[in-house]
Amino acid sequence: VWQAEMSVKEFEDQGTGAGHTKWWQCFDCGQRFHGAVELALGWAAWKTYVSRPETTLARINSMARLGVALSQSGRRAEALPVLEAKL
């Protein structure tokens, strides 16, 4: 989670790095996260950006990340309101 947060900060501050990609893909091997790790990073992304204005792209993307992670983990009833709010 810390690596993902630092990567996003680098992207936002300097325009370098992979930005939001770090919340869903390993920067070492390129594999997409799944299972409990995907869900934990989805929550971490949302917590990182929830305080930003609703129209901020980072907040919208973090809600999408959380919604997809919830859905992929079989928690579709919880994913639906998150994904609807993203719209």
Protein backbone atom coordinates (compact mmCIF):
# COMPACT_ATOMS: atom_id res chain seq x y z
CA VAL A 1 0.00 0.00 0.00
CA TRP A 2 2.80 2.42 0.87
CA GLN A 3 4.48 1.83 -2.52
CA ALA A 4 1.21 2.57 -4.30
CA GLU A 5 0.65 5.76 -2.32
CA MET A 6 4.21 6.98 -2.99
CA SER A 7 3.88 6.21 -6.69
CA VAL A 8 0.68 8.23 -6.96
CA LYS A 9 2.29 11.10 -5.05
CA GLU A 10 5.26 11.01 -7.43
CA PHE A 11 2.93 11.02 -10.43
CA GLU A 12 0.91 13.94 -9.10
CA ASP A 13 3.90 15.97 -7.89
CA GLN A 14 6.34 15.35 -10.72
CA GLY A 15 4.32 13.92 -13.59
CA THR A 16 6.40 10.74 -13.51
CA GLY A 17 5.75 7.18 -12.39
CA ALA A 18 2.71 5.08 -13.08
CA GLY A 19 0.21 6.95 -10.89
CA HIS A 20 -3.03 5.08 -10.33
CA THR A 21 -1.74 1.89 -11.95
CA LYS A 22 -0.01 1.04 -8.69
CA TRP A 23 -3.35 0.37 -7.04
CA TRP A 24 -4.09 -2.56 -9.35
CA GLN A 25 -0.81 -3.81 -10.84
CA CYS A 26 2.54 -4.82 -9.36
CA PHE A 27 5.28 -2.50 -10.62
CA ASP A 28 7.92 -5.23 -10.19
CA CYS A 29 6.37 -8.04 -12.24
CA GLY A 30 3.39 -6.36 -13.92
CA GLN A 31 0.88 -8.88 -12.57
CA ARG A 32 -2.55 -7.57 -11.66
CA PHE A 33 -3.46 -7.88 -8.00
CA HIS A 34 -6.31 -10.19 -7.07
CA GLY A 35 -8.13 -11.55 -4.06
CA ALA A 36 -7.49 -10.06 -0.65
CA VAL A 37 -4.62 -7.88 -1.91
CA GLU A 38 -6.81 -6.35 -4.63
CA LEU A 39 -9.53 -5.64 -2.08
CA ALA A 40 -7.11 -4.15 0.47
CA LEU A 41 -5.59 -1.88 -2.17
CA GLY A 42 -9.07 -0.88 -3.37
CA TRP A 43 -9.93 0.28 0.15
CA ALA A 44 -6.54 1.98 0.51
CA ALA A 45 -7.00 3.86 -2.76
CA TRP A 46 -10.43 5.04 -1.70
CA LYS A 47 -9.18 6.13 1.74
CA THR A 48 -6.35 8.05 0.08
CA TYR A 49 -8.65 10.12 -2.15
CA VAL A 50 -12.01 10.26 -0.35
CA SER A 51 -11.29 13.71 1.05
CA ARG A 52 -10.80 15.23 -2.40
CA PRO A 53 -13.62 16.93 -4.31
CA GLU A 54 -16.12 14.52 -5.89
CA THR A 55 -15.16 15.55 -9.42
CA THR A 56 -11.43 14.86 -8.96
CA LEU A 57 -10.22 12.14 -11.32
CA ALA A 58 -8.15 10.48 -8.59
CA ARG A 59 -11.23 10.15 -6.37
CA ILE A 60 -13.38 8.83 -9.22
CA ASN A 61 -10.70 6.28 -10.18
CA SER A 62 -10.29 5.16 -6.58
CA MET A 63 -14.03 4.54 -6.28
CA ALA A 64 -13.91 2.52 -9.49
CA ARG A 65 -10.96 0.54 -8.11
CA LEU A 66 -12.84 -0.20 -4.88
CA GLY A 67 -16.03 -1.12 -6.72
CA VAL A 68 -14.23 -3.53 -9.04
CA ALA A 69 -12.31 -5.07 -6.14
CA LEU A 70 -15.52 -5.62 -4.18
CA SER A 71 -17.21 -7.15 -7.20
CA GLN A 72 -14.26 -9.41 -8.02
CA SER A 73 -14.22 -10.69 -4.44
CA GLY A 74 -17.87 -11.70 -4.70
CA ARG A 75 -19.22 -8.78 -2.68
CA ARG A 76 -21.44 -7.49 -5.47
CA ALA A 77 -24.12 -6.07 -3.18
CA GLU A 78 -21.48 -3.83 -1.62
CA ALA A 79 -19.92 -3.01 -4.99
CA LEU A 80 -23.13 -1.74 -6.56
CA PRO A 81 -23.59 1.46 -4.49
CA VAL A 82 -19.88 2.27 -4.82
CA LEU A 83 -20.00 1.93 -8.59
CA GLU A 84 -23.28 3.85 -8.79
CA ALA A 85 -21.80 6.69 -6.74
CA LYS A 86 -18.88 6.82 -9.16
CA LEU A 87 -21.28 7.71 -11.98
